[in-house]
Amino acid sequence: MIDLRNRLAAETLGTALLLAVVIGSGIMAERLAGGNVAVALLANTAATVGGLYILIEVFGPISGAHFNPVVSSVMVAQGELPGAALVPYIAAQLVGAVLGAWLAHAMFDMTMLQFSAKVRSGPGQWIAETVATAGLLLVILRAPNGRASAMVAAYIGAAYWFTASTSFANPAAAFGRMFSDSFAGIAPGSVPGFVLAQCAGAAIGLMLHRLLEPRHVRHGHPNIIESSGEHQVD
């Protein structure tokens, strides 16, 4: 069994690197796209897909590579993460998200401490976040052994484009991105609506997963990430 301290370190570092990828690629894309938002979003998407896949593969064997409070919460509901580990996991993810935003700013010579002014609000945005998060959890829970990393990365890449919110699907990501007044940012006042929608989406994703399970199969999904058919976290 992997020590909880190692798991928390992996969640902190993994979430930090994920936010650095999302925010850093957004900054680079905005600077190079010459005002073409579609090109900037395409570049941001490509970097996020590649980065997410690699981070899941690297940290999955250690912590499960949740990087996301609602994913950790669902894993507790599924009995695959001890309840006592949930608050430490979420704390690690939130700290990592802020560190990732600051790392991106440092790399691009930007002011470290800042807040986003990009308002993302309204029913369309909230519905989009609910759909994005429900789909993410359904993919995680239904992915065949050893294929979750590729499927999660591919789903997030698609959801960047088919959701009005560009698919945050992650309260830690929303929290970290409010500390960056950049292409990938979100205004602090918009975060509560996103988080509520993400929590609702996670509940829907879990409900759909359980509805799809054959009645004779007992609950017990190995974890968010599996590789070579082996469980990553006990």
C-alpha atoms as a PDB file:
ATOM      1  CA  MET A   1       0.000   0.000   0.000  1.00  0.00           C
ATOM      2  CA  ILE A   2       1.326   3.435  -0.959  1.00  0.00           C
ATOM      3  CA  ASP A   3       1.821   5.849   1.933  1.00  0.00           C
ATOM      4  CA  LEU A   4      -0.760   8.658   2.145  1.00  0.00           C
ATOM      5  CA  ARG A   5       1.990  11.277   2.171  1.00  0.00           C
ATOM      6  CA  ASN A   6       3.225  10.012  -1.190  1.00  0.00           C
ATOM      7  CA  ARG A   7      -0.298  10.069  -2.582  1.00  0.00           C
ATOM      8  CA  LEU A   8      -0.837  13.639  -1.410  1.00  0.00           C
ATOM      9  CA  ALA A   9       2.496  14.718  -2.857  1.00  0.00           C
ATOM     10  CA  ALA A  10       1.489  13.156  -6.185  1.00  0.00           C
ATOM     11  CA  GLU A  11      -1.896  14.900  -6.125  1.00  0.00           C
ATOM     12  CA  THR A  12      -0.305  18.257  -5.308  1.00  0.00           C
ATOM     13  CA  LEU A  13       2.399  17.988  -7.956  1.00  0.00           C
ATOM     14  CA  GLY A  14       0.112  16.488 -10.579  1.00  0.00           C
ATOM     15  CA  THR A  15      -2.563  19.144 -10.124  1.00  0.00           C
ATOM     16  CA  ALA A  16       0.068  21.888 -10.186  1.00  0.00           C
ATOM     17  CA  LEU A  17       1.510  20.599 -13.447  1.00  0.00           C
ATOM     18  CA  LEU A  18      -1.956  20.202 -14.957  1.00  0.00           C
ATOM     19  CA  LEU A  19      -2.824  23.824 -14.159  1.00  0.00           C
ATOM     20  CA  ALA A  20       0.569  24.964 -15.461  1.00  0.00           C
ATOM     21  CA  VAL A  21      -0.188  23.165 -18.727  1.00  0.00           C
ATOM     22  CA  VAL A  22      -3.700  24.604 -19.026  1.00  0.00           C
ATOM     23  CA  ILE A  23      -2.823  28.169 -18.065  1.00  0.00           C
ATOM     24  CA  GLY A  24       0.641  28.250 -19.634  1.00  0.00           C
ATOM     25  CA  SER A  25      -0.581  26.943 -22.982  1.00  0.00           C
ATOM     26  CA  GLY A  26      -3.435  29.450 -22.844  1.00  0.00           C
ATOM     27  CA  ILE A  27      -0.998  32.306 -22.330  1.00  0.00           C
ATOM     28  CA  MET A  28       1.260  31.099 -25.150  1.00  0.00           C
ATOM     29  CA  ALA A  29      -1.688  30.497 -27.457  1.00  0.00           C
ATOM     30  CA  GLU A  30      -3.139  33.950 -26.857  1.00  0.00           C
ATOM     31  CA  ARG A  31       0.218  35.598 -27.525  1.00  0.00           C
ATOM     32  CA  LEU A  32       0.824  33.720 -30.773  1.00  0.00           C
ATOM     33  CA  ALA A  33      -2.696  33.477 -32.224  1.00  0.00           C
ATOM     34  CA  GLY A  34      -2.881  37.128 -33.268  1.00  0.00           C
ATOM     35  CA  GLY A  35      -6.356  37.587 -31.868  1.00  0.00           C
ATOM     36  CA  ASN A  36      -7.792  34.428 -33.458  1.00  0.00           C
ATOM     37  CA  VAL A  37      -9.642  32.882 -30.515  1.00  0.00           C
ATOM     38  CA  ALA A  38     -10.370  29.628 -32.354  1.00  0.00           C
ATOM     39  CA  VAL A  39      -6.677  29.049 -33.026  1.00  0.00           C
ATOM     40  CA  ALA A  40      -5.843  29.908 -29.424  1.00  0.00           C
ATOM     41  CA  LEU A  41      -8.434  27.448 -28.122  1.00  0.00           C
ATOM     42  CA  LEU A  42      -7.179  24.745 -30.482  1.00  0.00           C
ATOM     43  CA  ALA A  43      -3.613  25.178 -29.198  1.00  0.00           C
ATOM     44  CA  ASN A  44      -4.829  25.236 -25.590  1.00  0.00           C
ATOM     45  CA  THR A  45      -6.812  22.047 -26.226  1.00  0.00           C
ATOM     46  CA  ALA A  46      -3.917  20.173 -27.827  1.00  0.00           C
ATOM     47  CA  ALA A  47      -1.552  21.001 -24.966  1.00  0.00           C
ATOM     48  CA  THR A  48      -4.129  20.032 -22.345  1.00  0.00           C
ATOM     49  CA  VAL A  49      -4.883  16.683 -23.989  1.00  0.00           C
ATOM     50  CA  GLY A  50      -1.200  15.750 -24.216  1.00  0.00           C
ATOM     51  CA  GLY A  51      -0.365  17.010 -20.759  1.00  0.00           C
ATOM     52  CA  LEU A  52      -3.325  15.327 -19.102  1.00  0.00           C
ATOM     53  CA  TYR A  53      -2.545  11.965 -20.688  1.00  0.00           C
ATOM     54  CA  ILE A  54       1.084  12.073 -19.536  1.00  0.00           C
ATOM     55  CA  LEU A  55       0.247  13.250 -16.019  1.00  0.00           C
ATOM     56  CA  ILE A  56      -2.316  10.483 -15.540  1.00  0.00           C
ATOM     57  CA  GLU A  57       0.173   7.880 -16.733  1.00  0.00           C
ATOM     58  CA  VAL A  58       2.908   9.234 -14.434  1.00  0.00           C
ATOM     59  CA  PHE A  59       0.904   9.795 -11.251  1.00  0.00           C
ATOM     60  CA  GLY A  60      -1.821   7.188 -11.656  1.00  0.00           C
ATOM     61  CA  PRO A  61       0.225   4.409 -10.036  1.00  0.00           C
ATOM     62  CA  ILE A  62       0.846   6.604  -6.987  1.00  0.00           C
ATOM     63  CA  SER A  63      -2.370   8.451  -6.152  1.00  0.00           C
ATOM     64  CA  GLY A  64      -4.864   7.435  -8.822  1.00  0.00           C
ATOM     65  CA  ALA A  65      -4.214  10.763 -10.582  1.00  0.00           C
ATOM     66  CA  HIS A  66      -7.510  12.348  -9.547  1.00  0.00           C
ATOM     67  CA  PHE A  67      -6.363  16.017  -9.653  1.00  0.00           C
ATOM     68  CA  ASN A  68     -10.038  16.793  -9.078  1.00  0.00           C
ATOM     69  CA  PRO A  69     -12.119  16.996  -5.864  1.00  0.00           C
ATOM     70  CA  VAL A  70     -15.278  15.571  -7.428  1.00  0.00           C
ATOM     71  CA  VAL A  71     -13.356  12.596  -8.798  1.00  0.00           C
ATOM     72  CA  SER A  72     -11.939  11.915  -5.331  1.00  0.00           C
ATOM     73  CA  SER A  73     -15.423  12.255  -3.831  1.00  0.00           C
ATOM     74  CA  VAL A  74     -16.855   9.730  -6.279  1.00  0.00           C
ATOM     75  CA  MET A  75     -13.986   7.338  -5.549  1.00  0.00           C
ATOM     76  CA  VAL A  76     -14.923   7.533  -1.872  1.00  0.00           C
ATOM     77  CA  ALA A  77     -18.540   6.792  -2.776  1.00  0.00           C
ATOM     78  CA  GLN A  78     -17.327   3.809  -4.799  1.00  0.00           C
ATOM     79  CA  GLY A  79     -15.254   2.553  -1.877  1.00  0.00           C
ATOM     80  CA  GLU A  80     -11.986   2.969  -3.771  1.00  0.00           C
ATOM     81  CA  LEU A  81     -10.576   5.807  -1.656  1.00  0.00           C
ATOM     82  CA  PRO A  82     -10.786   5.812   2.154  1.00  0.00           C
ATOM     83  CA  GLY A  83     -13.133   8.480   3.473  1.00  0.00           C
ATOM     84  CA  ALA A  84     -10.418   9.776   5.800  1.00  0.00           C
ATOM     85  CA  ALA A  85      -8.262  10.596   2.754  1.00  0.00           C
ATOM     86  CA  LEU A  86     -10.861  12.770   1.024  1.00  0.00           C
ATOM     87  CA  VAL A  87     -10.214  16.090   2.791  1.00  0.00           C
ATOM     88  CA  PRO A  88      -6.410  15.743   2.505  1.00  0.00           C
ATOM     89  CA  TYR A  89      -6.793  14.869  -1.202  1.00  0.00           C
ATOM     90  CA  ILE A  90      -8.966  17.923  -1.842  1.00  0.00           C
ATOM     91  CA  ALA A  91      -6.602  20.188   0.101  1.00  0.00           C
ATOM     92  CA  ALA A  92      -3.648  18.878  -1.910  1.00  0.00           C
ATOM     93  CA  GLN A  93      -5.497  19.468  -5.172  1.00  0.00           C
ATOM     94  CA  LEU A  94      -6.460  23.031  -4.277  1.00  0.00           C
ATOM     95  CA  VAL A  95      -2.930  23.905  -3.163  1.00  0.00           C
ATOM     96  CA  GLY A  96      -1.524  22.322  -6.309  1.00  0.00           C
ATOM     97  CA  ALA A  97      -3.917  24.299  -8.506  1.00  0.00           C
ATOM     98  CA  VAL A  98      -2.752  27.633  -7.086  1.00  0.00           C
ATOM     99  CA  LEU A  99       0.904  26.625  -7.341  1.00  0.00           C
ATOM    100  CA  GLY A 100       0.348  25.645 -10.966  1.00  0.00           C
ATOM    101  CA  ALA A 101      -1.129  29.049 -11.780  1.00  0.00           C
ATOM    102  CA  TRP A 102       1.824  30.770 -10.150  1.00  0.00           C
ATOM    103  CA  LEU A 103       4.262  28.526 -12.011  1.00  0.00           C
ATOM    104  CA  ALA A 104       2.680  29.460 -15.342  1.00  0.00           C
ATOM    105  CA  HIS A 105       2.935  33.146 -14.477  1.00  0.00           C
ATOM    106  CA  ALA A 106       6.581  32.779 -13.491  1.00  0.00           C
ATOM    107  CA  MET A 107       7.439  31.071 -16.771  1.00  0.00           C
ATOM    108  CA  PHE A 108       5.864  33.888 -18.787  1.00  0.00           C
ATOM    109  CA  ASP A 109       7.224  36.759 -16.656  1.00  0.00           C
ATOM    110  CA  MET A 110       3.770  37.726 -15.444  1.00  0.00           C
ATOM    111  CA  THR A 111       2.713  39.123 -12.085  1.00  0.00           C
ATOM    112  CA  MET A 112       2.513  36.166  -9.739  1.00  0.00           C
ATOM    113  CA  LEU A 113      -0.503  37.209  -7.679  1.00  0.00           C
ATOM    114  CA  GLN A 114      -3.469  38.203  -9.819  1.00  0.00           C
ATOM    115  CA  PHE A 115      -7.169  37.486 -10.212  1.00  0.00           C
ATOM    116  CA  SER A 116      -9.043  36.793 -13.407  1.00  0.00           C
ATOM    117  CA  ALA A 117     -11.529  39.311 -14.769  1.00  0.00           C
ATOM    118  CA  LYS A 118     -13.046  36.825 -17.242  1.00  0.00           C
ATOM    119  CA  VAL A 119     -16.696  36.351 -16.296  1.00  0.00           C
ATOM    120  CA  ARG A 120     -18.063  32.894 -17.085  1.00  0.00           C
ATOM    121  CA  SER A 121     -21.625  32.753 -15.875  1.00  0.00           C
ATOM    122  CA  GLY A 122     -25.215  32.038 -16.885  1.00  0.00           C
ATOM    123  CA  PRO A 123     -27.413  28.964 -17.418  1.00  0.00           C
ATOM    124  CA  GLY A 124     -25.596  27.864 -20.566  1.00  0.00           C
ATOM    125  CA  GLN A 125     -22.246  27.822 -18.786  1.00  0.00           C
ATOM    126  CA  TRP A 126     -23.647  25.947 -15.799  1.00  0.00           C
ATOM    127  CA  ILE A 127     -25.404  23.357 -17.958  1.00  0.00           C
ATOM    128  CA  ALA A 128     -22.177  22.922 -19.915  1.00  0.00           C
ATOM    129  CA  GLU A 129     -20.189  22.294 -16.736  1.00  0.00           C
ATOM    130  CA  THR A 130     -22.780  19.806 -15.519  1.00  0.00           C
ATOM    131  CA  VAL A 131     -22.608  17.911 -18.821  1.00  0.00           C
ATOM    132  CA  ALA A 132     -18.808  18.079 -18.983  1.00  0.00           C
ATOM    133  CA  THR A 133     -18.364  16.754 -15.453  1.00  0.00           C
ATOM    134  CA  ALA A 134     -21.016  14.037 -15.788  1.00  0.00           C
ATOM    135  CA  GLY A 135     -19.335  12.825 -18.957  1.00  0.00           C
ATOM    136  CA  LEU A 136     -15.898  12.896 -17.357  1.00  0.00           C
ATOM    137  CA  LEU A 137     -17.008  10.765 -14.414  1.00  0.00           C
ATOM    138  CA  LEU A 138     -18.834   8.348 -16.690  1.00  0.00           C
ATOM    139  CA  VAL A 139     -15.695   7.918 -18.809  1.00  0.00           C
ATOM    140  CA  ILE A 140     -13.548   7.365 -15.714  1.00  0.00           C
ATOM    141  CA  LEU A 141     -15.914   4.820 -14.221  1.00  0.00           C
ATOM    142  CA  ARG A 142     -16.632   2.927 -17.442  1.00  0.00           C
ATOM    143  CA  ALA A 143     -13.136   2.929 -18.994  1.00  0.00           C
ATOM    144  CA  PRO A 144     -11.717  -0.566 -19.657  1.00  0.00           C
ATOM    145  CA  ASN A 145      -8.596  -1.623 -17.768  1.00  0.00           C
ATOM    146  CA  GLY A 146      -5.515   0.333 -18.763  1.00  0.00           C
ATOM    147  CA  ARG A 147      -7.324   2.726 -21.094  1.00  0.00           C
ATOM    148  CA  ALA A 148      -8.610   5.431 -18.752  1.00  0.00           C
ATOM    149  CA  SER A 149      -5.709   7.833 -19.303  1.00  0.00           C
ATOM    150  CA  ALA A 150      -6.199   8.000 -23.082  1.00  0.00           C
ATOM    151  CA  MET A 151      -9.987   8.081 -22.818  1.00  0.00           C
ATOM    152  CA  VAL A 152     -10.047  10.830 -20.191  1.00  0.00           C
ATOM    153  CA  ALA A 153      -7.611  12.978 -22.187  1.00  0.00           C
ATOM    154  CA  ALA A 154      -9.585  12.457 -25.395  1.00  0.00           C
ATOM    155  CA  TYR A 155     -12.882  13.267 -23.694  1.00  0.00           C
ATOM    156  CA  ILE A 156     -11.556  16.497 -22.184  1.00  0.00           C
ATOM    157  CA  GLY A 157     -10.168  17.497 -25.581  1.00  0.00           C
ATOM    158  CA  ALA A 158     -13.565  16.967 -27.179  1.00  0.00           C
ATOM    159  CA  ALA A 159     -15.387  18.715 -24.328  1.00  0.00           C
ATOM    160  CA  TYR A 160     -13.208  21.818 -24.771  1.00  0.00           C
ATOM    161  CA  TRP A 161     -15.118  22.257 -28.031  1.00  0.00           C
ATOM    162  CA  PHE A 162     -18.599  20.850 -27.534  1.00  0.00           C
ATOM    163  CA  THR A 163     -19.331  22.613 -24.214  1.00  0.00           C
ATOM    164  CA  ALA A 164     -20.006  26.324 -23.873  1.00  0.00           C
ATOM    165  CA  SER A 165     -17.736  26.487 -20.810  1.00  0.00           C
ATOM    166  CA  THR A 166     -14.725  24.822 -22.505  1.00  0.00           C
ATOM    167  CA  SER A 167     -15.030  22.023 -19.950  1.00  0.00           C
ATOM    168  CA  PHE A 168     -13.373  22.893 -16.657  1.00  0.00           C
ATOM    169  CA  ALA A 169     -15.122  19.835 -15.095  1.00  0.00           C
ATOM    170  CA  ASN A 170     -12.962  20.250 -11.994  1.00  0.00           C
ATOM    171  CA  PRO A 171     -13.449  22.452  -8.895  1.00  0.00           C
ATOM    172  CA  ALA A 172      -9.688  22.564  -8.299  1.00  0.00           C
ATOM    173  CA  ALA A 173      -9.123  23.779 -11.854  1.00  0.00           C
ATOM    174  CA  ALA A 174     -11.783  26.477 -11.414  1.00  0.00           C
ATOM    175  CA  PHE A 175     -10.168  27.502  -8.125  1.00  0.00           C
ATOM    176  CA  GLY A 176      -6.669  27.695  -9.595  1.00  0.00           C
ATOM    177  CA  ARG A 177      -7.753  29.438 -12.789  1.00  0.00           C
ATOM    178  CA  MET A 178      -9.375  32.304 -10.883  1.00  0.00           C
ATOM    179  CA  PHE A 179      -5.816  33.279  -9.852  1.00  0.00           C
ATOM    180  CA  SER A 180      -4.835  33.886 -13.493  1.00  0.00           C
ATOM    181  CA  ASP A 181      -6.053  36.849 -15.529  1.00  0.00           C
ATOM    182  CA  SER A 182      -5.259  35.055 -18.760  1.00  0.00           C
ATOM    183  CA  PHE A 183      -6.928  33.163 -21.618  1.00  0.00           C
ATOM    184  CA  ALA A 184      -7.779  30.244 -19.311  1.00  0.00           C
ATOM    185  CA  GLY A 185      -8.914  32.327 -16.338  1.00  0.00           C
ATOM    186  CA  ILE A 186     -12.275  32.585 -14.603  1.00  0.00           C
ATOM    187  CA  ALA A 187     -13.477  35.477 -12.462  1.00  0.00           C
ATOM    188  CA  PRO A 188     -13.748  34.651  -8.738  1.00  0.00           C
ATOM    189  CA  GLY A 189     -17.441  35.520  -8.759  1.00  0.00           C
ATOM    190  CA  SER A 190     -18.059  32.876 -11.440  1.00  0.00           C
ATOM    191  CA  VAL A 191     -16.391  30.050  -9.526  1.00  0.00           C
ATOM    192  CA  PRO A 192     -19.239  29.128  -7.111  1.00  0.00           C
ATOM    193  CA  GLY A 193     -21.670  28.535  -9.992  1.00  0.00           C
ATOM    194  CA  PHE A 194     -19.110  26.367 -11.771  1.00  0.00           C
ATOM    195  CA  VAL A 195     -18.370  24.330  -8.651  1.00  0.00           C
ATOM    196  CA  LEU A 196     -22.058  23.689  -7.937  1.00  0.00           C
ATOM    197  CA  ALA A 197     -22.583  22.590 -11.538  1.00  0.00           C
ATOM    198  CA  GLN A 198     -19.542  20.311 -11.361  1.00  0.00           C
ATOM    199  CA  CYS A 199     -20.779  18.680  -8.168  1.00  0.00           C
ATOM    200  CA  ALA A 200     -24.174  18.089  -9.766  1.00  0.00           C
ATOM    201  CA  GLY A 201     -22.486  16.672 -12.849  1.00  0.00           C
ATOM    202  CA  ALA A 202     -20.373  14.288 -10.767  1.00  0.00           C
ATOM    203  CA  ALA A 203     -23.500  12.993  -9.027  1.00  0.00           C
ATOM    204  CA  ILE A 204     -25.206  12.482 -12.382  1.00  0.00           C
ATOM    205  CA  GLY A 205     -22.160  10.702 -13.786  1.00  0.00           C
ATOM    206  CA  LEU A 206     -22.084   8.322 -10.829  1.00  0.00           C
ATOM    207  CA  MET A 207     -25.816   7.707 -11.102  1.00  0.00           C
ATOM    208  CA  LEU A 208     -25.529   6.906 -14.814  1.00  0.00           C
ATOM    209  CA  HIS A 209     -22.643   4.539 -14.146  1.00  0.00           C
ATOM    210  CA  ARG A 210     -24.655   2.636 -11.565  1.00  0.00           C
ATOM    211  CA  LEU A 211     -27.709   2.514 -13.809  1.00  0.00           C
ATOM    212  CA  LEU A 212     -25.569   0.958 -16.542  1.00  0.00           C
ATOM    213  CA  GLU A 213     -24.134  -1.722 -14.258  1.00  0.00           C
ATOM    214  CA  PRO A 214     -25.671  -5.179 -14.565  1.00  0.00           C
ATOM    215  CA  ARG A 215     -27.769  -5.907 -11.493  1.00  0.00           C
ATOM    216  CA  HIS A 216     -25.753  -9.001 -10.611  1.00  0.00           C
ATOM    217  CA  VAL A 217     -22.445  -7.093 -10.557  1.00  0.00           C
ATOM    218  CA  ARG A 218     -21.453  -5.677  -7.187  1.00  0.00           C
ATOM    219  CA  HIS A 219     -20.023  -2.170  -7.050  1.00  0.00           C
ATOM    220  CA  GLY A 220     -16.262  -2.044  -6.993  1.00  0.00           C
ATOM    221  CA  HIS A 221     -14.400  -0.166  -9.666  1.00  0.00           C
ATOM    222  CA  PRO A 222     -10.609  -0.456  -9.276  1.00  0.00           C
ATOM    223  CA  ASN A 223      -9.959   3.305  -9.396  1.00  0.00           C
ATOM    224  CA  ILE A 224      -9.793   6.199 -11.809  1.00  0.00           C
ATOM    225  CA  ILE A 225      -6.674   4.876 -13.471  1.00  0.00           C
ATOM    226  CA  GLU A 226      -5.571   1.351 -14.253  1.00  0.00           C
ATOM    227  CA  SER A 227      -2.512   0.257 -16.152  1.00  0.00           C
ATOM    228  CA  SER A 228      -1.775  -3.213 -17.474  1.00  0.00           C
ATOM    229  CA  GLY A 229      -4.826  -4.485 -15.655  1.00  0.00           C
ATOM    230  CA  GLU A 230      -3.389  -3.762 -12.194  1.00  0.00           C
ATOM    231  CA  HIS A 231      -4.983  -1.574  -9.514  1.00  0.00           C
ATOM    232  CA  GLN A 232      -3.084   1.652  -8.928  1.00  0.00           C
ATOM    233  CA  VAL A 233      -4.207   2.479  -5.406  1.00  0.00           C
ATOM    234  CA  ASP A 234      -5.292  -0.028  -2.817  1.00  0.00           C
END
